[in-house]
C-alpha cells in the first residue's frame, strides 16, 4: 500500500502536464527574406534609410504618415493598398551598420494577420553589389488555441513573406534605377 500514494501523485503530475501541453498558445514565427542588388551598399541604403520613406519603394502601400524622423520612438502609419492601417515604432537606427529595427505598435489583424512583430532591415556588401535582408519575429493574428484560417500561423507567415518580397523588389528596382 505504500506504493499506491506515490503512484497516484505521479499519475496526477503526468496527467496535468499532458493537459497543459495540449492547451498551448501561439508560438513565435519567423520570416527572413534576402535580395541581391546590383548597386553599392551606400546607394541601396540611401533608398531605405529614412524610416518614413517606405512608401517611396513599397508597392503594397497606398500612403505613409511618419513622425519623428529616424529617432528611437518615431512612428509611421502604413495604409495598405489592400485596406487598413497599421502603426509601427522605430526601435533602433544604425547609420554605420545600415540597419533599422522597428516593431508593430498598433495592430490591425483584419488588414494584416499578425498580433505583434519585431523587424529588422539591413544592407551589406555582397558580390560586387549589395544584399538586403529583412527579418521578422511575429505572432499570428488570433492568439487562441484554434485560430481561423485567415488568422493562423500560415496566414501570418504568408502575409509577412509576401510583404517583404514586394518591398525587396521595390528596393531593388529603385536602387538599380528601374522603379518608383
N, C-alpha and C. Protein backbone atom coordinates (compact mmCIF):
# COMPACT_ATOMS: atom_id res chain seq x y z
N UNK A 1 0.80 -1.19 0.00
CA UNK A 1 0.00 0.00 0.00
C UNK A 1 0.84 1.26 0.00
N UNK A 2 2.09 1.16 0.45
CA UNK A 2 2.95 2.34 0.49
C UNK A 2 3.25 2.85 -0.92
N UNK A 3 3.18 2.01 -1.91
CA UNK A 3 3.49 2.43 -3.28
C UNK A 3 2.29 3.09 -3.97
N UNK A 4 1.07 2.93 -3.46
CA UNK A 4 -0.12 3.46 -4.11
C UNK A 4 -0.12 4.98 -4.11
N UNK A 5 0.21 5.59 -2.99
CA UNK A 5 0.18 7.05 -2.89
C UNK A 5 1.20 7.71 -3.83
N UNK A 6 2.48 7.31 -3.83
CA UNK A 6 3.42 7.91 -4.78
C UNK A 6 3.01 7.65 -6.23
N UNK A 7 2.44 6.50 -6.50
CA UNK A 7 1.98 6.20 -7.85
C UNK A 7 0.83 7.13 -8.25
N UNK A 8 -0.09 7.39 -7.35
CA UNK A 8 -1.22 8.29 -7.62
C UNK A 8 -0.71 9.71 -7.86
N UNK A 9 0.26 10.17 -7.05
CA UNK A 9 0.83 11.51 -7.23
C UNK A 9 1.53 11.59 -8.59
N UNK A 10 2.29 10.57 -8.94
CA UNK A 10 2.97 10.55 -10.24
C UNK A 10 1.97 10.59 -11.38
N UNK A 11 0.89 9.85 -11.26
CA UNK A 11 -0.14 9.85 -12.30
C UNK A 11 -0.77 11.24 -12.43
N UNK A 12 -1.06 11.89 -11.29
CA UNK A 12 -1.67 13.22 -11.30
C UNK A 12 -0.73 14.24 -11.97
N UNK A 13 0.55 14.21 -11.65
CA UNK A 13 1.52 15.13 -12.25
C UNK A 13 1.63 14.88 -13.75
N UNK A 14 1.68 13.63 -14.14
CA UNK A 14 1.75 13.28 -15.56
C UNK A 14 0.50 13.74 -16.30
N UNK A 15 -0.67 13.53 -15.75
CA UNK A 15 -1.92 13.94 -16.39
C UNK A 15 -1.99 15.46 -16.51
N UNK A 16 -1.55 16.16 -15.48
CA UNK A 16 -1.57 17.63 -15.52
C UNK A 16 -0.63 18.16 -16.59
N UNK A 17 0.52 17.52 -16.76
CA UNK A 17 1.45 18.00 -17.78
C UNK A 17 0.93 17.76 -19.19
N UNK A 18 0.19 16.66 -19.41
CA UNK A 18 -0.41 16.42 -20.72
C UNK A 18 -1.50 17.44 -21.01
N UNK A 19 -2.28 17.78 -20.01
CA UNK A 19 -3.34 18.77 -20.19
C UNK A 19 -2.79 20.13 -20.56
N UNK A 20 -1.70 20.57 -19.93
CA UNK A 20 -1.14 21.88 -20.25
C UNK A 20 -0.42 21.86 -21.59
N UNK A 21 0.10 20.72 -21.99
CA UNK A 21 0.79 20.64 -23.27
C UNK A 21 -0.18 20.80 -24.44
N UNK A 22 -1.39 20.29 -24.28
CA UNK A 22 -2.34 20.39 -25.38
C UNK A 22 -3.04 21.74 -25.41
N UNK A 23 -2.93 22.54 -24.37
CA UNK A 23 -3.59 23.85 -24.30
C UNK A 23 -2.56 24.96 -24.43
N UNK A 24 -1.81 24.92 -25.50
CA UNK A 24 -0.77 25.92 -25.69
C UNK A 24 -1.28 27.07 -26.53
N UNK A 25 -0.63 28.20 -26.38
CA UNK A 25 -0.97 29.36 -27.19
C UNK A 25 -0.10 29.40 -28.43
N UNK A 26 -0.02 30.56 -29.05
CA UNK A 26 0.75 30.67 -30.28
C UNK A 26 2.25 30.57 -30.03
N UNK A 27 2.97 30.13 -31.02
CA UNK A 27 4.43 30.10 -30.95
C UNK A 27 4.97 31.21 -31.84
N UNK A 28 6.12 31.77 -31.49
CA UNK A 28 6.68 32.82 -32.34
C UNK A 28 7.04 32.25 -33.71
N UNK A 29 6.77 33.04 -34.73
CA UNK A 29 7.08 32.67 -36.11
C UNK A 29 8.24 33.54 -36.59
N UNK A 30 8.82 33.15 -37.72
CA UNK A 30 9.97 33.88 -38.25
C UNK A 30 9.86 33.98 -39.77
N UNK A 31 10.22 35.14 -40.28
CA UNK A 31 10.36 35.32 -41.73
C UNK A 31 11.74 35.94 -41.95
N UNK A 32 12.42 35.49 -42.98
CA UNK A 32 13.75 36.00 -43.32
C UNK A 32 13.88 35.99 -44.83
N UNK A 33 13.87 37.16 -45.43
CA UNK A 33 13.95 37.29 -46.88
C UNK A 33 15.17 38.13 -47.24
N UNK A 34 15.81 37.77 -48.35
CA UNK A 34 17.01 38.48 -48.81
C UNK A 34 16.90 38.73 -50.31
N UNK A 35 17.60 39.78 -50.76
CA UNK A 35 17.70 40.04 -52.19
C UNK A 35 19.07 40.63 -52.48
N UNK A 36 19.63 40.26 -53.62
CA UNK A 36 20.91 40.81 -54.07
C UNK A 36 20.60 41.93 -55.05
N UNK A 37 21.30 43.04 -54.89
CA UNK A 37 21.04 44.23 -55.70
C UNK A 37 22.33 44.68 -56.36
N UNK A 38 22.26 44.99 -57.64
CA UNK A 38 23.43 45.43 -58.41
C UNK A 38 23.64 46.94 -58.22
N UNK A 39 23.95 47.31 -56.99
CA UNK A 39 24.24 48.69 -56.63
C UNK A 39 25.07 48.65 -55.35
N UNK A 40 25.94 49.64 -55.13
CA UNK A 40 26.74 49.64 -53.91
C UNK A 40 25.87 49.82 -52.67
N UNK A 41 26.33 49.28 -51.53
CA UNK A 41 25.54 49.38 -50.30
C UNK A 41 25.11 50.81 -49.96
N UNK A 42 25.99 51.79 -50.15
CA UNK A 42 25.63 53.18 -49.83
C UNK A 42 24.45 53.66 -50.67
N UNK A 43 24.38 53.25 -51.93
CA UNK A 43 23.27 53.65 -52.81
C UNK A 43 21.97 52.97 -52.38
N UNK A 44 22.07 51.71 -51.97
CA UNK A 44 20.89 50.98 -51.51
C UNK A 44 20.40 51.57 -50.19
N UNK A 45 21.34 51.85 -49.29
CA UNK A 45 20.99 52.44 -48.00
C UNK A 45 20.29 53.79 -48.20
N UNK A 46 20.72 54.54 -49.18
CA UNK A 46 20.11 55.83 -49.46
C UNK A 46 18.62 55.68 -49.79
N UNK A 47 18.25 54.58 -50.41
CA UNK A 47 16.85 54.32 -50.76
C UNK A 47 16.00 54.07 -49.52
N UNK A 48 16.54 53.33 -48.55
CA UNK A 48 15.71 52.86 -47.43
C UNK A 48 16.00 53.52 -46.09
N UNK A 49 17.00 54.35 -45.99
CA UNK A 49 17.48 54.80 -44.68
C UNK A 49 16.51 55.68 -43.90
N UNK A 50 15.58 56.32 -44.57
CA UNK A 50 14.60 57.14 -43.84
C UNK A 50 13.43 56.25 -43.43
N UNK A 51 13.18 56.18 -42.13
CA UNK A 51 12.12 55.33 -41.59
C UNK A 51 10.78 55.60 -42.26
N UNK A 52 10.50 56.84 -42.55
CA UNK A 52 9.22 57.19 -43.16
C UNK A 52 9.17 57.07 -44.66
N UNK A 53 10.27 56.64 -45.30
CA UNK A 53 10.32 56.60 -46.77
C UNK A 53 9.83 55.29 -47.38
N UNK A 54 9.35 54.37 -46.59
CA UNK A 54 8.93 53.06 -47.09
C UNK A 54 7.90 53.17 -48.22
N UNK A 55 7.08 54.20 -48.19
CA UNK A 55 6.09 54.40 -49.24
C UNK A 55 6.69 54.75 -50.59
N UNK A 56 7.96 55.19 -50.60
CA UNK A 56 8.65 55.52 -51.84
C UNK A 56 9.08 54.29 -52.62
N UNK A 57 9.15 53.14 -51.97
CA UNK A 57 9.64 51.95 -52.66
C UNK A 57 8.79 50.69 -52.44
N UNK A 58 7.80 50.72 -51.56
CA UNK A 58 6.98 49.53 -51.33
C UNK A 58 5.67 49.63 -52.09
N UNK A 59 5.45 48.71 -53.01
CA UNK A 59 4.26 48.74 -53.88
C UNK A 59 2.96 48.40 -53.16
N UNK A 60 3.02 47.84 -51.98
CA UNK A 60 1.82 47.45 -51.26
C UNK A 60 1.21 48.54 -50.41
N UNK A 61 1.81 49.74 -50.44
CA UNK A 61 1.34 50.82 -49.58
C UNK A 61 0.67 51.92 -50.39
N UNK A 62 -0.47 52.38 -49.89
CA UNK A 62 -1.18 53.49 -50.51
C UNK A 62 -0.69 54.82 -49.97
N UNK A 63 -0.30 54.82 -48.68
CA UNK A 63 0.10 56.06 -48.02
C UNK A 63 0.92 55.74 -46.78
N UNK A 64 1.83 56.67 -46.43
CA UNK A 64 2.60 56.55 -45.20
C UNK A 64 2.61 57.91 -44.53
N UNK A 65 2.30 57.93 -43.25
CA UNK A 65 2.40 59.15 -42.45
C UNK A 65 3.42 58.88 -41.35
N UNK A 66 4.51 59.65 -41.32
CA UNK A 66 5.60 59.41 -40.38
C UNK A 66 5.83 60.62 -39.49
N UNK A 67 6.24 60.34 -38.26
CA UNK A 67 6.58 61.38 -37.30
C UNK A 67 7.83 60.97 -36.54
N UNK A 68 8.75 61.90 -36.35
CA UNK A 68 9.91 61.63 -35.51
C UNK A 68 11.19 61.30 -36.24
N UNK A 69 11.16 61.28 -37.57
CA UNK A 69 12.38 61.01 -38.34
C UNK A 69 12.95 59.64 -38.07
N UNK A 70 14.27 59.61 -37.81
CA UNK A 70 14.96 58.35 -37.55
C UNK A 70 15.36 58.22 -36.08
N UNK A 71 14.64 58.88 -35.22
CA UNK A 71 14.92 58.81 -33.78
C UNK A 71 14.13 57.66 -33.15
N UNK A 72 14.73 57.03 -32.17
CA UNK A 72 14.06 55.96 -31.45
C UNK A 72 12.70 56.46 -30.97
N UNK A 73 11.67 55.66 -31.19
CA UNK A 73 10.32 56.04 -30.80
C UNK A 73 9.54 56.72 -31.92
N UNK A 74 10.21 57.03 -33.05
CA UNK A 74 9.50 57.59 -34.20
C UNK A 74 8.42 56.61 -34.63
N UNK A 75 7.37 57.12 -35.24
CA UNK A 75 6.28 56.25 -35.69
C UNK A 75 5.98 56.47 -37.16
N UNK A 76 5.38 55.45 -37.75
CA UNK A 76 4.85 55.57 -39.10
C UNK A 76 3.56 54.77 -39.17
N UNK A 77 2.59 55.38 -39.84
CA UNK A 77 1.31 54.71 -40.07
C UNK A 77 1.29 54.30 -41.53
N UNK A 78 1.17 53.01 -41.75
CA UNK A 78 1.15 52.46 -43.10
C UNK A 78 -0.30 52.19 -43.49
N UNK A 79 -0.73 52.79 -44.58
CA UNK A 79 -2.05 52.50 -45.14
C UNK A 79 -1.82 51.51 -46.27
N UNK A 80 -2.33 50.31 -46.09
CA UNK A 80 -2.13 49.24 -47.07
C UNK A 80 -3.06 49.43 -48.26
N UNK A 81 -2.57 49.13 -49.45
CA UNK A 81 -3.42 49.20 -50.64
C UNK A 81 -4.59 48.24 -50.53
N UNK A 82 -4.40 47.15 -49.81
CA UNK A 82 -5.47 46.17 -49.62
C UNK A 82 -6.51 46.64 -48.60
N UNK A 83 -6.20 47.76 -47.93
CA UNK A 83 -7.13 48.33 -46.96
C UNK A 83 -6.62 48.22 -45.54
N UNK A 84 -6.84 49.26 -44.77
CA UNK A 84 -6.47 49.26 -43.36
C UNK A 84 -5.13 49.88 -43.08
N UNK A 85 -4.97 50.31 -41.83
CA UNK A 85 -3.73 50.93 -41.36
C UNK A 85 -3.09 50.08 -40.28
N UNK A 86 -1.77 50.10 -40.24
CA UNK A 86 -1.01 49.56 -39.11
C UNK A 86 0.00 50.63 -38.72
N UNK A 87 0.35 50.66 -37.44
CA UNK A 87 1.29 51.66 -36.93
C UNK A 87 2.53 50.94 -36.41
N UNK A 88 3.69 51.46 -36.81
CA UNK A 88 4.97 50.90 -36.40
C UNK A 88 5.78 51.94 -35.63
N UNK A 89 6.69 51.46 -34.79
CA UNK A 89 7.54 52.32 -33.98
C UNK A 89 9.00 51.93 -34.19
N UNK A 90 9.86 52.92 -34.37
CA UNK A 90 11.29 52.70 -34.58
C UNK A 90 11.97 52.37 -33.26
N UNK A 91 12.67 51.24 -33.22
CA UNK A 91 13.40 50.83 -32.03
C UNK A 91 14.87 51.21 -32.09
N UNK A 92 15.49 51.03 -33.25
CA UNK A 92 16.93 51.30 -33.39
C UNK A 92 17.23 51.69 -34.83
N UNK A 93 18.13 52.66 -34.96
CA UNK A 93 18.57 53.13 -36.27
C UNK A 93 20.09 53.19 -36.21
N UNK A 94 20.76 52.49 -37.14
CA UNK A 94 22.21 52.47 -37.13
C UNK A 94 22.73 52.82 -38.52
N UNK A 95 23.10 54.07 -38.70
CA UNK A 95 23.60 54.57 -39.98
C UNK A 95 24.86 53.82 -40.39
N UNK A 96 25.79 53.63 -39.46
CA UNK A 96 27.07 52.98 -39.77
C UNK A 96 26.88 51.54 -40.23
N UNK A 97 26.01 50.80 -39.55
CA UNK A 97 25.77 49.40 -39.90
C UNK A 97 24.65 49.23 -40.92
N UNK A 98 24.06 50.34 -41.34
CA UNK A 98 22.99 50.35 -42.34
C UNK A 98 21.86 49.39 -41.95
N UNK A 99 21.28 49.64 -40.76
CA UNK A 99 20.17 48.79 -40.31
C UNK A 99 19.14 49.62 -39.56
N UNK A 100 17.90 49.14 -39.66
CA UNK A 100 16.76 49.75 -38.99
C UNK A 100 16.00 48.63 -38.29
N UNK A 101 15.65 48.85 -37.03
CA UNK A 101 14.83 47.89 -36.28
C UNK A 101 13.56 48.59 -35.83
N UNK A 102 12.44 47.93 -36.01
CA UNK A 102 11.16 48.52 -35.64
C UNK A 102 10.19 47.43 -35.23
N UNK A 103 9.06 47.87 -34.68
CA UNK A 103 8.05 46.91 -34.21
C UNK A 103 6.65 47.42 -34.51
N UNK A 104 5.72 46.48 -34.47
CA UNK A 104 4.31 46.82 -34.61
C UNK A 104 3.86 47.50 -33.32
N UNK A 105 3.32 48.69 -33.46
CA UNK A 105 2.86 49.45 -32.30
C UNK A 105 1.36 49.32 -32.14
N UNK A 106 0.62 49.36 -33.26
CA UNK A 106 -0.83 49.24 -33.23
C UNK A 106 -1.26 48.27 -34.32
N UNK A 107 -1.77 47.15 -33.89
CA UNK A 107 -2.17 46.09 -34.83
C UNK A 107 -3.49 46.42 -35.51
N UNK A 108 -3.71 45.74 -36.62
CA UNK A 108 -4.99 45.74 -37.32
C UNK A 108 -5.06 44.36 -37.97
N UNK A 109 -5.52 43.38 -37.20
CA UNK A 109 -5.47 41.98 -37.64
C UNK A 109 -6.36 41.69 -38.84
N UNK A 110 -7.32 42.58 -39.11
CA UNK A 110 -8.15 42.39 -40.31
C UNK A 110 -7.40 42.86 -41.56
N UNK A 111 -6.48 43.79 -41.40
CA UNK A 111 -5.69 44.30 -42.53
C UNK A 111 -4.41 43.50 -42.73
N UNK A 112 -3.80 43.06 -41.64
CA UNK A 112 -2.54 42.31 -41.69
C UNK A 112 -2.58 41.30 -40.56
N UNK A 113 -2.58 39.99 -40.86
CA UNK A 113 -2.92 38.96 -39.87
C UNK A 113 -1.83 38.61 -38.86
N UNK A 114 -1.30 39.62 -38.19
CA UNK A 114 -0.35 39.40 -37.10
C UNK A 114 -0.77 40.24 -35.90
N UNK A 115 -0.47 39.76 -34.70
CA UNK A 115 -0.80 40.50 -33.49
C UNK A 115 0.40 41.27 -32.95
N UNK A 116 1.59 40.87 -33.37
CA UNK A 116 2.81 41.56 -32.96
C UNK A 116 3.94 41.15 -33.89
N UNK A 117 4.85 42.08 -34.17
CA UNK A 117 6.08 41.74 -34.86
C UNK A 117 7.19 42.69 -34.46
N UNK A 118 8.40 42.19 -34.62
CA UNK A 118 9.62 42.97 -34.44
C UNK A 118 10.49 42.66 -35.65
N UNK A 119 10.82 43.70 -36.43
CA UNK A 119 11.51 43.51 -37.72
C UNK A 119 12.85 44.23 -37.76
N UNK A 120 13.69 43.76 -38.64
CA UNK A 120 14.96 44.43 -38.93
C UNK A 120 15.20 44.37 -40.43
N UNK A 121 15.66 45.48 -40.97
CA UNK A 121 16.06 45.52 -42.37
C UNK A 121 17.48 46.06 -42.40
N UNK A 122 18.36 45.37 -43.14
CA UNK A 122 19.77 45.77 -43.16
C UNK A 122 20.36 45.59 -44.54
N UNK A 123 21.41 46.37 -44.79
CA UNK A 123 22.11 46.35 -46.08
C UNK A 123 23.57 45.99 -45.80
N UNK A 124 24.14 45.12 -46.66
CA UNK A 124 25.57 44.79 -46.54
C UNK A 124 26.14 44.49 -47.92
N UNK A 125 27.45 44.62 -48.05
CA UNK A 125 28.09 44.32 -49.34
C UNK A 125 27.92 42.84 -49.70
N UNK A 126 27.76 42.58 -51.01
CA UNK A 126 27.65 41.20 -51.49
C UNK A 126 27.90 41.16 -52.99
N UNK A 127 28.80 40.31 -53.42
CA UNK A 127 29.04 40.02 -54.84
C UNK A 127 29.14 41.27 -55.72
N UNK A 128 29.94 42.24 -55.31
CA UNK A 128 30.12 43.45 -56.10
C UNK A 128 28.94 44.39 -56.05
N UNK A 129 27.96 44.10 -55.24
CA UNK A 129 26.78 44.94 -55.08
C UNK A 129 26.37 44.93 -53.62
N UNK A 130 25.10 44.63 -53.38
CA UNK A 130 24.57 44.65 -52.02
C UNK A 130 23.61 43.49 -51.80
N UNK A 131 23.43 43.17 -50.54
CA UNK A 131 22.38 42.26 -50.13
C UNK A 131 21.54 42.98 -49.09
N UNK A 132 20.24 42.94 -49.28
CA UNK A 132 19.32 43.48 -48.28
C UNK A 132 18.63 42.29 -47.64
N UNK A 133 18.62 42.29 -46.31
CA UNK A 133 17.96 41.23 -45.56
C UNK A 133 16.88 41.87 -44.70
N UNK A 134 15.70 41.27 -44.73
CA UNK A 134 14.56 41.75 -43.95
C UNK A 134 14.09 40.58 -43.11
N UNK A 135 14.16 40.71 -41.79
CA UNK A 135 13.77 39.63 -40.90
C UNK A 135 12.65 40.08 -39.98
N UNK A 136 11.89 39.11 -39.52
CA UNK A 136 10.79 39.39 -38.62
C UNK A 136 10.58 38.24 -37.65
N UNK A 137 10.23 38.60 -36.44
CA UNK A 137 9.73 37.65 -35.44
C UNK A 137 8.32 38.13 -35.15
N UNK A 138 7.34 37.25 -35.22
CA UNK A 138 5.96 37.70 -35.12
C UNK A 138 5.06 36.62 -34.53
N UNK A 139 3.86 37.05 -34.15
CA UNK A 139 2.81 36.15 -33.69
C UNK A 139 1.60 36.32 -34.58
N UNK A 140 0.90 35.24 -34.80
CA UNK A 140 -0.31 35.26 -35.63
C UNK A 140 -1.36 36.22 -35.06
N UNK A 141 -2.33 36.53 -35.90
CA UNK A 141 -3.39 37.48 -35.53
C UNK A 141 -4.25 36.97 -34.38
N UNK A 142 -4.66 35.73 -34.45
CA UNK A 142 -5.53 35.15 -33.44
C UNK A 142 -4.67 34.29 -32.52
N UNK A 143 -4.53 34.71 -31.28
CA UNK A 143 -3.63 34.01 -30.37
C UNK A 143 -4.33 32.93 -29.53
N UNK A 144 -5.56 32.58 -29.91
CA UNK A 144 -6.24 31.49 -29.22
C UNK A 144 -5.67 30.15 -29.70
N UNK A 145 -6.11 29.08 -29.08
CA UNK A 145 -5.58 27.75 -29.43
C UNK A 145 -6.04 27.25 -30.79
N UNK A 146 -7.19 27.71 -31.28
CA UNK A 146 -7.72 27.24 -32.56
C UNK A 146 -8.13 28.43 -33.42
N UNK A 147 -7.15 29.13 -34.01
CA UNK A 147 -7.47 30.31 -34.81
C UNK A 147 -8.11 29.95 -36.15
N UNK A 148 -8.91 30.86 -36.70
CA UNK A 148 -9.45 30.62 -38.04
C UNK A 148 -8.31 30.68 -39.06
N UNK A 149 -8.56 30.10 -40.24
CA UNK A 149 -7.52 30.00 -41.26
C UNK A 149 -6.93 31.35 -41.66
N UNK A 150 -7.72 32.40 -41.68
CA UNK A 150 -7.20 33.70 -42.11
C UNK A 150 -6.41 34.43 -41.03
N UNK A 151 -6.31 33.83 -39.84
CA UNK A 151 -5.57 34.47 -38.74
C UNK A 151 -4.63 33.50 -38.02
N UNK A 152 -4.27 32.39 -38.70
CA UNK A 152 -3.39 31.39 -38.10
C UNK A 152 -1.91 31.64 -38.46
N UNK A 153 -1.04 30.75 -38.03
CA UNK A 153 0.40 30.89 -38.30
C UNK A 153 0.70 30.98 -39.79
N UNK A 154 0.04 30.12 -40.58
CA UNK A 154 0.31 30.10 -42.01
C UNK A 154 -0.10 31.43 -42.67
N UNK A 155 -1.24 31.98 -42.27
CA UNK A 155 -1.69 33.26 -42.83
C UNK A 155 -0.73 34.38 -42.45
N UNK A 156 -0.26 34.37 -41.21
CA UNK A 156 0.68 35.40 -40.75
C UNK A 156 2.01 35.28 -41.48
N UNK A 157 2.49 34.08 -41.66
CA UNK A 157 3.76 33.86 -42.36
C UNK A 157 3.64 34.27 -43.82
N UNK A 158 2.56 33.89 -44.47
CA UNK A 158 2.37 34.26 -45.88
C UNK A 158 2.28 35.78 -46.05
N UNK A 159 1.50 36.43 -45.22
CA UNK A 159 1.35 37.88 -45.32
C UNK A 159 2.69 38.59 -45.11
N UNK A 160 3.44 38.16 -44.12
CA UNK A 160 4.74 38.78 -43.84
C UNK A 160 5.71 38.54 -44.98
N UNK A 161 5.81 37.31 -45.44
CA UNK A 161 6.71 36.97 -46.54
C UNK A 161 6.35 37.72 -47.81
N UNK A 162 5.07 37.77 -48.14
CA UNK A 162 4.63 38.50 -49.34
C UNK A 162 4.96 39.99 -49.22
N UNK A 163 4.74 40.56 -48.05
CA UNK A 163 5.03 41.98 -47.83
C UNK A 163 6.52 42.25 -48.01
N UNK A 164 7.34 41.39 -47.43
CA UNK A 164 8.80 41.54 -47.55
C UNK A 164 9.25 41.40 -49.01
N UNK A 165 8.76 40.40 -49.70
CA UNK A 165 9.18 40.18 -51.09
C UNK A 165 8.80 41.36 -51.98
N UNK A 166 7.61 41.91 -51.80
CA UNK A 166 7.22 43.09 -52.58
C UNK A 166 8.11 44.28 -52.24
N UNK A 167 8.41 44.45 -50.97
CA UNK A 167 9.27 45.55 -50.55
C UNK A 167 10.69 45.41 -51.08
N UNK A 168 11.24 44.23 -51.00
CA UNK A 168 12.60 43.99 -51.50
C UNK A 168 12.67 44.21 -53.01
N UNK A 169 11.64 43.79 -53.74
CA UNK A 169 11.60 44.04 -55.19
C UNK A 169 11.57 45.54 -55.46
N UNK A 170 10.85 46.28 -54.65
CA UNK A 170 10.80 47.73 -54.81
C UNK A 170 12.12 48.40 -54.52
N UNK A 171 12.82 47.94 -53.49
CA UNK A 171 14.15 48.48 -53.16
C UNK A 171 15.10 48.21 -54.32
N UNK A 172 15.08 46.98 -54.82
CA UNK A 172 15.95 46.60 -55.93
C UNK A 172 15.69 47.48 -57.15
N UNK A 173 14.43 47.63 -57.52
CA UNK A 173 14.08 48.43 -58.70
C UNK A 173 14.54 49.88 -58.53
N UNK A 174 14.29 50.43 -57.36
CA UNK A 174 14.67 51.84 -57.14
C UNK A 174 16.18 52.01 -57.10
N UNK A 175 16.88 51.12 -56.42
CA UNK A 175 18.35 51.22 -56.29
C UNK A 175 19.04 51.00 -57.63
N UNK A 176 18.45 50.16 -58.47
CA UNK A 176 19.04 49.88 -59.78
C UNK A 176 18.50 50.82 -60.86
N UNK A 177 17.69 51.82 -60.44
CA UNK A 177 17.17 52.81 -61.36
C UNK A 177 16.07 52.34 -62.29
N UNK A 178 15.31 51.32 -61.83
CA UNK A 178 14.27 50.74 -62.70
C UNK A 178 12.87 50.86 -62.12
N UNK A 179 12.71 51.63 -61.07
CA UNK A 179 11.37 51.69 -60.47
C UNK A 179 11.08 52.97 -59.74
N UNK A 180 9.93 52.98 -59.09
CA UNK A 180 9.38 54.10 -58.34
C UNK A 180 10.30 55.26 -58.23
